[in-house]
Amino acid sequence: MKSFLGTTKADPDVEKREDYWQLIGKRGRIIDAPATSDGRVLVLFENDLDDYGLENHNPVRNSLWICLSDLVTEK
Protein backbone atom coordinates (compact mmCIF):
# COMPACT_ATOMS: atom_id res chain seq x y z
CA MET A 1 0.00 0.00 0.00
CA LYS A 2 1.42 3.38 -0.94
CA SER A 3 -1.23 5.64 0.61
CA PHE A 4 -4.65 5.62 2.24
CA LEU A 5 -7.46 7.78 0.88
CA GLY A 6 -4.85 9.38 -1.36
CA THR A 7 -2.63 10.65 1.46
CA THR A 8 0.45 9.32 3.22
CA LYS A 9 -0.21 10.70 6.71
CA ALA A 10 -3.20 10.50 9.01
CA ASP A 11 -4.78 13.58 10.53
CA PRO A 12 -3.46 14.11 14.06
CA ASP A 13 -6.91 13.50 15.54
CA VAL A 14 -7.61 10.17 13.80
CA GLU A 15 -8.50 7.38 16.22
CA LYS A 16 -5.98 4.54 16.47
CA ARG A 17 -8.62 2.00 15.39
CA GLU A 18 -9.08 4.00 12.15
CA ASP A 19 -5.39 4.78 11.49
CA TYR A 20 -5.10 2.70 8.33
CA TRP A 21 -2.10 4.80 7.34
CA GLN A 22 -0.12 2.38 9.55
CA LEU A 23 -0.43 -0.07 6.66
CA ILE A 24 1.48 2.08 4.17
CA GLY A 25 4.38 -0.01 2.95
CA LYS A 26 2.70 -3.27 3.96
CA ARG A 27 1.98 -6.01 1.46
CA GLY A 28 -1.14 -7.92 0.59
CA ARG A 29 -2.99 -9.39 -2.34
CA ILE A 30 -6.22 -8.48 -4.01
CA ILE A 31 -8.75 -11.22 -3.29
CA ASP A 32 -11.83 -9.55 -4.77
CA ALA A 33 -10.74 -7.90 -7.99
CA PRO A 34 -13.90 -6.24 -9.28
CA ALA A 35 -13.64 -2.68 -8.06
CA THR A 36 -16.68 -1.35 -6.26
CA SER A 37 -18.39 1.77 -7.53
CA ASP A 38 -15.96 3.86 -5.49
CA GLY A 39 -12.88 2.11 -6.94
CA ARG A 40 -12.07 -0.17 -4.01
CA VAL A 41 -10.88 -3.76 -4.07
CA LEU A 42 -10.66 -6.25 -1.21
CA VAL A 43 -7.05 -6.64 -0.08
CA LEU A 44 -5.89 -9.47 2.16
CA PHE A 45 -2.91 -8.15 4.11
CA GLU A 46 0.07 -10.29 5.12
CA ASN A 47 0.00 -8.61 8.55
CA ASP A 48 -2.51 -9.29 11.31
CA LEU A 49 -4.66 -6.15 11.42
CA ASP A 50 -5.55 -6.83 15.04
CA ASP A 51 -1.87 -6.28 15.93
CA TYR A 52 -2.33 -2.67 14.75
CA GLY A 53 -5.57 -2.25 16.68
CA LEU A 54 -7.47 -1.54 13.45
CA GLU A 55 -11.17 -2.00 12.80
CA ASN A 56 -11.64 -4.87 10.37
CA HIS A 57 -15.02 -6.55 10.14
CA ASN A 58 -14.89 -8.09 6.69
CA PRO A 59 -15.85 -11.76 6.32
CA VAL A 60 -12.23 -12.56 5.40
CA ARG A 61 -9.89 -11.94 8.34
CA ASN A 62 -7.15 -9.31 7.76
CA SER A 63 -8.83 -7.88 4.68
CA LEU A 64 -9.90 -4.32 3.92
CA TRP A 65 -11.56 -2.53 1.03
CA ILE A 66 -8.81 -0.26 -0.35
CA CYS A 67 -8.88 2.15 -3.31
CA LEU A 68 -6.91 0.84 -6.27
CA SER A 69 -5.20 4.23 -6.48
CA ASP A 70 -3.72 3.61 -2.98
CA LEU A 71 -2.03 0.39 -4.11
CA VAL A 72 1.13 -0.49 -5.96
CA THR A 73 0.43 -3.58 -8.02
CA GLU A 74 3.01 -6.03 -9.28
CA LYS A 75 2.73 -7.45 -12.74
PDB file of N, CA and C in Angstrom:
ATOM      1  N   MET A   1       0.857  -1.159   0.000  1.00  0.00           N
ATOM      2  CA  MET A   1       0.000   0.000   0.000  1.00  0.00           C
ATOM      3  C   MET A   1       0.903   1.223   0.000  1.00  0.00           C
ATOM      4  N   LYS A   2       0.589   2.184  -0.855  1.00  0.00           N
ATOM      5  CA  LYS A   2       1.418   3.385  -0.944  1.00  0.00           C
ATOM      6  C   LYS A   2       0.780   4.597  -0.275  1.00  0.00           C
ATOM      7  N   SER A   3      -0.523   4.531  -0.031  1.00  0.00           N
ATOM      8  CA  SER A   3      -1.234   5.644   0.605  1.00  0.00           C
ATOM      9  C   SER A   3      -2.578   5.116   1.104  1.00  0.00           C
ATOM     10  N   PHE A   4      -3.290   5.962   1.826  1.00  0.00           N
ATOM     11  CA  PHE A   4      -4.648   5.619   2.237  1.00  0.00           C
ATOM     12  C   PHE A   4      -5.504   6.848   2.013  1.00  0.00           C
ATOM     13  N   LEU A   5      -6.583   6.670   1.282  1.00  0.00           N
ATOM     14  CA  LEU A   5      -7.461   7.779   0.885  1.00  0.00           C
ATOM     15  C   LEU A   5      -6.677   8.877   0.185  1.00  0.00           C
ATOM     16  N   GLY A   6      -5.637   8.446  -0.558  1.00  0.00           N
ATOM     17  CA  GLY A   6      -4.853   9.378  -1.363  1.00  0.00           C
ATOM     18  C   GLY A   6      -3.808  10.175  -0.602  1.00  0.00           C
ATOM     19  N   THR A   7      -3.628   9.914   0.678  1.00  0.00           N
ATOM     20  CA  THR A   7      -2.629  10.654   1.459  1.00  0.00           C
ATOM     21  C   THR A   7      -1.683   9.671   2.147  1.00  0.00           C
ATOM     22  N   THR A   8      -0.536  10.182   2.586  1.00  0.00           N
ATOM     23  CA  THR A   8       0.454   9.319   3.225  1.00  0.00           C
ATOM     24  C   THR A   8       0.537   9.512   4.736  1.00  0.00           C
ATOM     25  N   LYS A   9      -0.201  10.465   5.261  1.00  0.00           N
ATOM     26  CA  LYS A   9      -0.208  10.697   6.709  1.00  0.00           C
ATOM     27  C   LYS A   9      -1.630  10.897   7.210  1.00  0.00           C
ATOM     28  N   ALA A  10      -1.887  10.346   8.392  1.00  0.00           N
ATOM     29  CA  ALA A  10      -3.202  10.503   9.011  1.00  0.00           C
ATOM     30  C   ALA A  10      -3.318  11.869   9.643  1.00  0.00           C
ATOM     31  N   ASP A  11      -4.537  12.364   9.761  1.00  0.00           N
ATOM     32  CA  ASP A  11      -4.778  13.577  10.533  1.00  0.00           C
ATOM     33  C   ASP A  11      -4.373  13.315  11.979  1.00  0.00           C
ATOM     34  N   PRO A  12      -3.898  14.323  12.674  1.00  0.00           N
ATOM     35  CA  PRO A  12      -3.461  14.115  14.059  1.00  0.00           C
ATOM     36  C   PRO A  12      -4.571  13.615  14.981  1.00  0.00           C
ATOM     37  N   ASP A  13      -5.813  13.895  14.653  1.00  0.00           N
ATOM     38  CA  ASP A  13      -6.909  13.504  15.541  1.00  0.00           C
ATOM     39  C   ASP A  13      -7.590  12.186  15.146  1.00  0.00           C
ATOM     40  N   VAL A  14      -7.004  11.443  14.195  1.00  0.00           N
ATOM     41  CA  VAL A  14      -7.607  10.167  13.798  1.00  0.00           C
ATOM     42  C   VAL A  14      -7.466   9.159  14.939  1.00  0.00           C
ATOM     43  N   GLU A  15      -8.529   8.400  15.168  1.00  0.00           N
ATOM     44  CA  GLU A  15      -8.505   7.381  16.221  1.00  0.00           C
ATOM     45  C   GLU A  15      -7.598   6.228  15.802  1.00  0.00           C
ATOM     46  N   LYS A  16      -6.914   5.637  16.768  1.00  0.00           N
ATOM     47  CA  LYS A  16      -5.982   4.539  16.472  1.00  0.00           C
ATOM     48  C   LYS A  16      -6.669   3.412  15.704  1.00  0.00           C
ATOM     49  N   ARG A  17      -7.919   3.106  16.050  1.00  0.00           N
ATOM     50  CA  ARG A  17      -8.622   2.004  15.388  1.00  0.00           C
ATOM     51  C   ARG A  17      -8.956   2.314  13.932  1.00  0.00           C
ATOM     52  N   GLU A  18      -8.808   3.588  13.530  1.00  0.00           N
ATOM     53  CA  GLU A  18      -9.075   4.000  12.154  1.00  0.00           C
ATOM     54  C   GLU A  18      -7.823   4.520  11.453  1.00  0.00           C
ATOM     55  N   ASP A  19      -6.660   4.298  12.060  1.00  0.00           N
ATOM     56  CA  ASP A  19      -5.394   4.785  11.487  1.00  0.00           C
ATOM     57  C   ASP A  19      -4.839   3.766  10.497  1.00  0.00           C
ATOM     58  N   TYR A  20      -5.506   3.646   9.363  1.00  0.00           N
ATOM     59  CA  TYR A  20      -5.098   2.697   8.334  1.00  0.00           C
ATOM     60  C   TYR A  20      -3.818   3.127   7.635  1.00  0.00           C
ATOM     61  N   TRP A  21      -3.362   4.314   7.882  1.00  0.00           N
ATOM     62  CA  TRP A  21      -2.103   4.801   7.343  1.00  0.00           C
ATOM     63  C   TRP A  21      -0.937   3.970   7.887  1.00  0.00           C
ATOM     64  N   GLN A  22      -1.143   3.280   9.002  1.00  0.00           N
ATOM     65  CA  GLN A  22      -0.116   2.383   9.546  1.00  0.00           C
ATOM     66  C   GLN A  22       0.243   1.276   8.553  1.00  0.00           C
ATOM     67  N   LEU A  23      -0.635   1.017   7.606  1.00  0.00           N
ATOM     68  CA  LEU A  23      -0.430  -0.068   6.656  1.00  0.00           C
ATOM     69  C   LEU A  23       0.343   0.351   5.411  1.00  0.00           C
ATOM     70  N   ILE A  24       0.693   1.622   5.310  1.00  0.00           N
ATOM     71  CA  ILE A  24       1.484   2.077   4.166  1.00  0.00           C
ATOM     72  C   ILE A  24       2.819   1.343   4.194  1.00  0.00           C
ATOM     73  N   GLY A  25       3.159   0.771   3.068  1.00  0.00           N
ATOM     74  CA  GLY A  25       4.384  -0.008   2.945  1.00  0.00           C
ATOM     75  C   GLY A  25       4.181  -1.487   3.212  1.00  0.00           C
ATOM     76  N   LYS A  26       3.007  -1.864   3.690  1.00  0.00           N
ATOM     77  CA  LYS A  26       2.701  -3.272   3.957  1.00  0.00           C
ATOM     78  C   LYS A  26       2.193  -3.939   2.682  1.00  0.00           C
ATOM     79  N   ARG A  27       2.346  -5.250   2.641  1.00  0.00           N
ATOM     80  CA  ARG A  27       1.975  -6.014   1.457  1.00  0.00           C
ATOM     81  C   ARG A  27       0.694  -6.806   1.681  1.00  0.00           C
ATOM     82  N   GLY A  28       0.047  -7.100   0.582  1.00  0.00           N
ATOM     83  CA  GLY A  28      -1.144  -7.920   0.594  1.00  0.00           C
ATOM     84  C   GLY A  28      -1.442  -8.353  -0.822  1.00  0.00           C
ATOM     85  N   ARG A  29      -2.573  -9.001  -0.980  1.00  0.00           N
ATOM     86  CA  ARG A  29      -2.988  -9.389  -2.336  1.00  0.00           C
ATOM     87  C   ARG A  29      -4.468  -9.109  -2.497  1.00  0.00           C
ATOM     88  N   ILE A  30      -4.828  -8.756  -3.695  1.00  0.00           N
ATOM     89  CA  ILE A  30      -6.224  -8.483  -4.014  1.00  0.00           C
ATOM     90  C   ILE A  30      -6.952  -9.817  -4.098  1.00  0.00           C
ATOM     91  N   ILE A  31      -7.992  -9.962  -3.286  1.00  0.00           N
ATOM     92  CA  ILE A  31      -8.751 -11.222  -3.292  1.00  0.00           C
ATOM     93  C   ILE A  31     -10.141 -11.056  -3.878  1.00  0.00           C
ATOM     94  N   ASP A  32     -10.560  -9.820  -4.094  1.00  0.00           N
ATOM     95  CA  ASP A  32     -11.828  -9.545  -4.771  1.00  0.00           C
ATOM     96  C   ASP A  32     -11.533  -8.442  -5.761  1.00  0.00           C
ATOM     97  N   ALA A  33     -11.255  -8.831  -6.991  1.00  0.00           N
ATOM     98  CA  ALA A  33     -10.739  -7.903  -7.986  1.00  0.00           C
ATOM     99  C   ALA A  33     -11.741  -6.899  -8.542  1.00  0.00           C
ATOM    100  N   PRO A  34     -13.005  -7.245  -8.703  1.00  0.00           N
ATOM    101  CA  PRO A  34     -13.899  -6.238  -9.281  1.00  0.00           C
ATOM    102  C   PRO A  34     -14.001  -5.026  -8.357  1.00  0.00           C
ATOM    103  N   ALA A  35     -13.583  -3.903  -8.856  1.00  0.00           N
ATOM    104  CA  ALA A  35     -13.638  -2.683  -8.058  1.00  0.00           C
ATOM    105  C   ALA A  35     -15.088  -2.310  -7.789  1.00  0.00           C
ATOM    106  N   THR A  36     -15.345  -1.837  -6.590  1.00  0.00           N
ATOM    107  CA  THR A  36     -16.678  -1.355  -6.258  1.00  0.00           C
ATOM    108  C   THR A  36     -16.907  -0.040  -6.981  1.00  0.00           C
ATOM    109  N   SER A  37     -18.072   0.526  -6.839  1.00  0.00           N
ATOM    110  CA  SER A  37     -18.387   1.770  -7.528  1.00  0.00           C
ATOM    111  C   SER A  37     -17.473   2.915  -7.095  1.00  0.00           C
ATOM    112  N   ASP A  38     -16.867   2.795  -5.909  1.00  0.00           N
ATOM    113  CA  ASP A  38     -15.958   3.860  -5.487  1.00  0.00           C
ATOM    114  C   ASP A  38     -14.489   3.485  -5.722  1.00  0.00           C
ATOM    115  N   GLY A  39     -14.242   2.454  -6.535  1.00  0.00           N
ATOM    116  CA  GLY A  39     -12.884   2.110  -6.938  1.00  0.00           C
ATOM    117  C   GLY A  39     -12.090   1.292  -5.936  1.00  0.00           C
ATOM    118  N   ARG A  40     -12.772   0.619  -5.028  1.00  0.00           N
ATOM    119  CA  ARG A  40     -12.070  -0.175  -4.013  1.00  0.00           C
ATOM    120  C   ARG A  40     -12.060  -1.650  -4.377  1.00  0.00           C
ATOM    121  N   VAL A  41     -11.006  -2.319  -3.927  1.00  0.00           N
ATOM    122  CA  VAL A  41     -10.883  -3.765  -4.065  1.00  0.00           C
ATOM    123  C   VAL A  41     -10.590  -4.339  -2.677  1.00  0.00           C
ATOM    124  N   LEU A  42     -10.911  -5.609  -2.490  1.00  0.00           N
ATOM    125  CA  LEU A  42     -10.664  -6.248  -1.205  1.00  0.00           C
ATOM    126  C   LEU A  42      -9.229  -6.768  -1.176  1.00  0.00           C
ATOM    127  N   VAL A  43      -8.456  -6.267  -0.207  1.00  0.00           N
ATOM    128  CA  VAL A  43      -7.047  -6.639  -0.081  1.00  0.00           C
ATOM    129  C   VAL A  43      -6.873  -7.465   1.188  1.00  0.00           C
ATOM    130  N   LEU A  44      -6.250  -8.628   1.031  1.00  0.00           N
ATOM    131  CA  LEU A  44      -5.893  -9.470   2.164  1.00  0.00           C
ATOM    132  C   LEU A  44      -4.443  -9.143   2.520  1.00  0.00           C
ATOM    133  N   PHE A  45      -4.240  -8.563   3.689  1.00  0.00           N
ATOM    134  CA  PHE A  45      -2.908  -8.149   4.110  1.00  0.00           C
ATOM    135  C   PHE A  45      -2.133  -9.314   4.697  1.00  0.00           C
ATOM    136  N   GLU A  46      -0.813  -9.287   4.539  1.00  0.00           N
ATOM    137  CA  GLU A  46       0.065 -10.290   5.122  1.00  0.00           C
ATOM    138  C   GLU A  46       0.128 -10.130   6.641  1.00  0.00           C
ATOM    139  N   ASN A  47      -0.080  -8.914   7.122  1.00  0.00           N
ATOM    140  CA  ASN A  47      -0.002  -8.612   8.548  1.00  0.00           C
ATOM    141  C   ASN A  47      -1.347  -8.839   9.228  1.00  0.00           C
ATOM    142  N   ASP A  48      -1.306  -9.140  10.508  1.00  0.00           N
ATOM    143  CA  ASP A  48      -2.510  -9.293  11.309  1.00  0.00           C
ATOM    144  C   ASP A  48      -3.003  -7.896  11.697  1.00  0.00           C
ATOM    145  N   LEU A  49      -4.144  -7.501  11.176  1.00  0.00           N
ATOM    146  CA  LEU A  49      -4.657  -6.149  11.419  1.00  0.00           C
ATOM    147  C   LEU A  49      -4.982  -5.915  12.885  1.00  0.00           C
ATOM    148  N   ASP A  50      -5.280  -6.971  13.616  1.00  0.00           N
ATOM    149  CA  ASP A  50      -5.548  -6.829  15.043  1.00  0.00           C
ATOM    150  C   ASP A  50      -4.296  -6.360  15.792  1.00  0.00           C
ATOM    151  N   ASP A  51      -3.113  -6.716  15.297  1.00  0.00           N
ATOM    152  CA  ASP A  51      -1.872  -6.275  15.927  1.00  0.00           C
ATOM    153  C   ASP A  51      -1.718  -4.753  15.872  1.00  0.00           C
ATOM    154  N   TYR A  52      -2.373  -4.127  14.900  1.00  0.00           N
ATOM    155  CA  TYR A  52      -2.326  -2.675  14.752  1.00  0.00           C
ATOM    156  C   TYR A  52      -3.488  -1.996  15.472  1.00  0.00           C
ATOM    157  N   GLY A  53      -4.406  -2.802  16.003  1.00  0.00           N
ATOM    158  CA  GLY A  53      -5.573  -2.250  16.681  1.00  0.00           C
ATOM    159  C   GLY A  53      -6.578  -1.641  15.724  1.00  0.00           C
ATOM    160  N   LEU A  54      -6.598  -2.112  14.478  1.00  0.00           N
ATOM    161  CA  LEU A  54      -7.466  -1.536  13.447  1.00  0.00           C
ATOM    162  C   LEU A  54      -8.809  -2.242  13.369  1.00  0.00           C
ATOM    163  N   GLU A  55      -9.843  -1.454  13.084  1.00  0.00           N
ATOM    164  CA  GLU A  55     -11.170  -1.997  12.803  1.00  0.00           C
ATOM    165  C   GLU A  55     -11.066  -2.829  11.535  1.00  0.00           C
ATOM    166  N   ASN A  56     -11.566  -4.047  11.579  1.00  0.00           N
ATOM    167  CA  ASN A  56     -11.644  -4.873  10.369  1.00  0.00           C
ATOM    168  C   ASN A  56     -12.707  -5.926  10.584  1.00  0.00           C
ATOM    169  N   HIS A  57     -13.839  -5.699   9.939  1.00  0.00           N
ATOM    170  CA  HIS A  57     -15.017  -6.549  10.145  1.00  0.00           C
ATOM    171  C   HIS A  57     -15.427  -7.290   8.885  1.00  0.00           C
ATOM    172  N   ASN A  58     -14.536  -7.388   7.921  1.00  0.00           N
ATOM    173  CA  ASN A  58     -14.890  -8.090   6.691  1.00  0.00           C
ATOM    174  C   ASN A  58     -14.953  -9.591   6.946  1.00  0.00           C
ATOM    175  N   PRO A  59     -15.716 -10.306   6.123  1.00  0.00           N
ATOM    176  CA  PRO A  59     -15.846 -11.756   6.323  1.00  0.00           C
ATOM    177  C   PRO A  59     -14.497 -12.483   6.263  1.00  0.00           C
ATOM    178  N   VAL A  60     -13.556 -11.957   5.491  1.00  0.00           N
ATOM    179  CA  VAL A  60     -12.227 -12.557   5.395  1.00  0.00           C
ATOM    180  C   VAL A  60     -11.310 -11.807   6.358  1.00  0.00           C
ATOM    181  N   ARG A  61     -10.752 -12.533   7.323  1.00  0.00           N
ATOM    182  CA  ARG A  61      -9.886 -11.942   8.340  1.00  0.00           C
ATOM    183  C   ARG A  61      -8.678 -11.254   7.687  1.00  0.00           C
ATOM    184  N   ASN A  62      -8.297 -10.110   8.221  1.00  0.00           N
ATOM    185  CA  ASN A  62      -7.146  -9.314   7.762  1.00  0.00           C
ATOM    186  C   ASN A  62      -7.333  -8.735   6.366  1.00  0.00           C
ATOM    187  N   SER A  63      -8.574  -8.486   5.981  1.00  0.00           N
ATOM    188  CA  SER A  63      -8.828  -7.877   4.680  1.00  0.00           C
ATOM    189  C   SER A  63      -9.549  -6.541   4.856  1.00  0.00           C
ATOM    190  N   LEU A  64      -9.270  -5.643   3.928  1.00  0.00           N
ATOM    191  CA  LEU A  64      -9.896  -4.317   3.918  1.00  0.00           C
ATOM    192  C   LEU A  64     -10.210  -3.925   2.480  1.00  0.00           C
ATOM    193  N   TRP A  65     -11.249  -3.124   2.327  1.00  0.00           N
ATOM    194  CA  TRP A  65     -11.561  -2.533   1.032  1.00  0.00           C
ATOM    195  C   TRP A  65     -10.681  -1.298   0.871  1.00  0.00           C
ATOM    196  N   ILE A  66      -9.807  -1.315  -0.130  1.00  0.00           N
ATOM    197  CA  ILE A  66      -8.814  -0.263  -0.349  1.00  0.00           C
ATOM    198  C   ILE A  66      -8.963   0.249  -1.781  1.00  0.00           C
ATOM    199  N   CYS A  67      -8.833   1.553  -1.966  1.00  0.00           N
ATOM    200  CA  CYS A  67      -8.885   2.146  -3.308  1.00  0.00           C
ATOM    201  C   CYS A  67      -7.705   1.649  -4.142  1.00  0.00           C
ATOM    202  N   LEU A  68      -7.980   1.269  -5.363  1.00  0.00           N
ATOM    203  CA  LEU A  68      -6.912   0.842  -6.273  1.00  0.00           C
ATOM    204  C   LEU A  68      -5.815   1.892  -6.382  1.00  0.00           C
ATOM    205  N   SER A  69      -6.195   3.155  -6.346  1.00  0.00           N
ATOM    206  CA  SER A  69      -5.201   4.227  -6.484  1.00  0.00           C
ATOM    207  C   SER A  69      -4.259   4.306  -5.282  1.00  0.00           C
ATOM    208  N   ASP A  70      -4.589   3.637  -4.174  1.00  0.00           N
ATOM    209  CA  ASP A  70      -3.721   3.611  -2.980  1.00  0.00           C
ATOM    210  C   ASP A  70      -2.769   2.420  -3.000  1.00  0.00           C
ATOM    211  N   LEU A  71      -2.821   1.611  -4.057  1.00  0.00           N
ATOM    212  CA  LEU A  71      -2.030   0.394  -4.113  1.00  0.00           C
ATOM    213  C   LEU A  71      -0.954   0.463  -5.196  1.00  0.00           C
ATOM    214  N   VAL A  72       0.120  -0.233  -4.942  1.00  0.00           N
ATOM    215  CA  VAL A  72       1.134  -0.490  -5.958  1.00  0.00           C
ATOM    216  C   VAL A  72       0.951  -1.943  -6.340  1.00  0.00           C
ATOM    217  N   THR A  73       0.667  -2.197  -7.598  1.00  0.00           N
ATOM    218  CA  THR A  73       0.430  -3.578  -8.019  1.00  0.00           C
ATOM    219  C   THR A  73       1.635  -4.103  -8.781  1.00  0.00           C
ATOM    220  N   GLU A  74       1.929  -5.369  -8.559  1.00  0.00           N
ATOM    221  CA  GLU A  74       3.008  -6.034  -9.281  1.00  0.00           C
ATOM    222  C   GLU A  74       2.421  -6.729 -10.483  1.00  0.00           C
ATOM    223  N   LYS A  75       3.200  -6.806 -11.518  1.00  0.00           N
ATOM    224  CA  LYS A  75       2.727  -7.449 -12.743  1.00  0.00           C
ATOM    225  C   LYS A  75       3.265  -8.842 -12.846  1.00  0.00           C
TER     226      LYS A  75
END
